[in-house]
C-alpha atoms as a PDB file:
ATOM      1  CA  ILE A   1      47.420  -2.393  29.467  1.00  0.00           C
ATOM      2  CA  ALA A   2      48.407  -0.129  32.374  1.00  0.00           C
ATOM      3  CA  ARG A   3      46.892  -2.563  34.852  1.00  0.00           C
ATOM      4  CA  VAL A   4      49.198  -5.429  33.405  1.00  0.00           C
ATOM      5  CA  GLY A   5      51.927  -3.144  33.631  1.00  0.00           C
ATOM      6  CA  GLU A   6      51.126  -2.771  37.209  1.00  0.00           C
ATOM      7  CA  GLY A   7      51.152  -6.398  38.032  1.00  0.00           C
ATOM      8  CA  ILE A   8      54.454  -6.750  36.181  1.00  0.00           C
ATOM      9  CA  VAL A   9      55.997  -3.877  38.409  1.00  0.00           C
ATOM     10  CA  THR A  10      54.415  -5.898  41.499  1.00  0.00           C
ATOM     11  CA  THR A  11      55.822  -9.102  40.605  1.00  0.00           C
ATOM     12  CA  ILE A  12      59.103  -8.108  39.934  1.00  0.00           C
ATOM     13  CA  GLY A  13      59.428  -5.483  42.846  1.00  0.00           C
ATOM     14  CA  SER A  14      58.086  -8.050  45.385  1.00  0.00           C
ATOM     15  CA  SER A  15      60.579 -10.767  44.494  1.00  0.00           C
ATOM     16  CA  ALA A  16      63.671 -11.064  46.192  1.00  0.00           C
ATOM     17  CA  SER A  17      65.704 -10.821  43.044  1.00  0.00           C
ATOM     18  CA  HIS A  18      64.906 -10.371  39.920  1.00  0.00           C
ATOM     19  CA  LYS A  19      66.415 -13.756  38.874  1.00  0.00           C
ATOM     20  CA  ASP A  20      63.394 -15.254  40.429  1.00  0.00           C
ATOM     21  CA  VAL A  21      61.147 -13.678  38.049  1.00  0.00           C
ATOM     22  CA  LEU A  22      63.526 -14.969  34.956  1.00  0.00           C
ATOM     23  CA  GLU A  23      63.407 -18.436  36.621  1.00  0.00           C
ATOM     24  CA  ASN A  24      59.714 -18.339  36.867  1.00  0.00           C
ATOM     25  CA  PRO A  25      58.290 -15.733  34.527  1.00  0.00           C
ATOM     26  CA  ASP A  26      54.454 -17.297  35.173  1.00  0.00           C
ATOM     27  CA  ALA A  27      54.816 -15.467  38.464  1.00  0.00           C
ATOM     28  CA  ILE A  28      53.792 -12.422  36.301  1.00  0.00           C
ATOM     29  CA  SER A  29      50.825 -14.075  34.984  1.00  0.00           C
ATOM     30  CA  LYS A  30      49.668 -15.524  38.020  1.00  0.00           C
ATOM     31  CA  THR A  31      49.955 -11.880  39.839  1.00  0.00           C
ATOM     32  CA  VAL A  32      47.630 -10.253  37.302  1.00  0.00           C
ATOM     33  CA  LEU A  33      45.113 -13.008  37.141  1.00  0.00           C
ATOM     34  CA  ASP A  34      45.074 -13.500  41.185  1.00  0.00           C
ATOM     35  CA  ARG A  35      44.773  -9.737  41.582  1.00  0.00           C
ATOM     36  CA  SER A  36      41.759  -9.292  39.035  1.00  0.00           C
ATOM     37  CA  LEU A  37      43.452  -6.474  37.727  1.00  0.00           C
ATOM     38  CA  ASP A  38      40.858  -6.510  34.952  1.00  0.00           C
ATOM     39  CA  ALA A  39      37.846  -5.915  37.378  1.00  0.00           C
ATOM     40  CA  GLY A  40      35.691  -2.938  36.426  1.00  0.00           C
ATOM     41  CA  THR A  41      36.647  -2.777  32.570  1.00  0.00           C
ATOM     42  CA  ALA A  42      35.478  -3.258  29.466  1.00  0.00           C
ATOM     43  CA  PHE A  43      37.748  -6.360  28.913  1.00  0.00           C
ATOM     44  CA  GLN A  44      38.401  -9.690  30.394  1.00  0.00           C
ATOM     45  CA  ILE A  45      42.236 -10.680  30.596  1.00  0.00           C
ATOM     46  CA  LEU A  46      42.301 -14.570  29.651  1.00  0.00           C
ATOM     47  CA  SER A  47      45.622 -15.255  29.451  1.00  0.00           C
ATOM     48  CA  ILE A  48      49.311 -13.628  29.309  1.00  0.00           C
ATOM     49  CA  ASP A  49      51.768 -15.265  27.306  1.00  0.00           C
ATOM     50  CA  ILE A  50      55.254 -13.993  28.214  1.00  0.00           C
ATOM     51  CA  ALA A  51      57.520 -14.605  25.162  1.00  0.00           C
ATOM     52  CA  ASP A  52      60.957 -13.249  26.572  1.00  0.00           C
ATOM     53  CA  VAL A  53      62.326 -11.603  29.475  1.00  0.00           C
ATOM     54  CA  ASP A  54      65.512  -9.119  29.047  1.00  0.00           C
ATOM     55  CA  VAL A  55      67.363  -7.643  31.945  1.00  0.00           C
ATOM     56  CA  GLY A  56      68.883  -4.617  30.859  1.00  0.00           C
END
């Protein structure tokens, strides 16, 4: 779970604006899966479903 959180923070932090992430929340999934954040763990990330993004 912490590694997925790392992917979320990395994606938002590397975006020009948080609005870019709101317009394309799949970028979070792409970052996590592309960086193989599940490597060396006892689990495998098959998919990430983002149901809602709230700014606040």
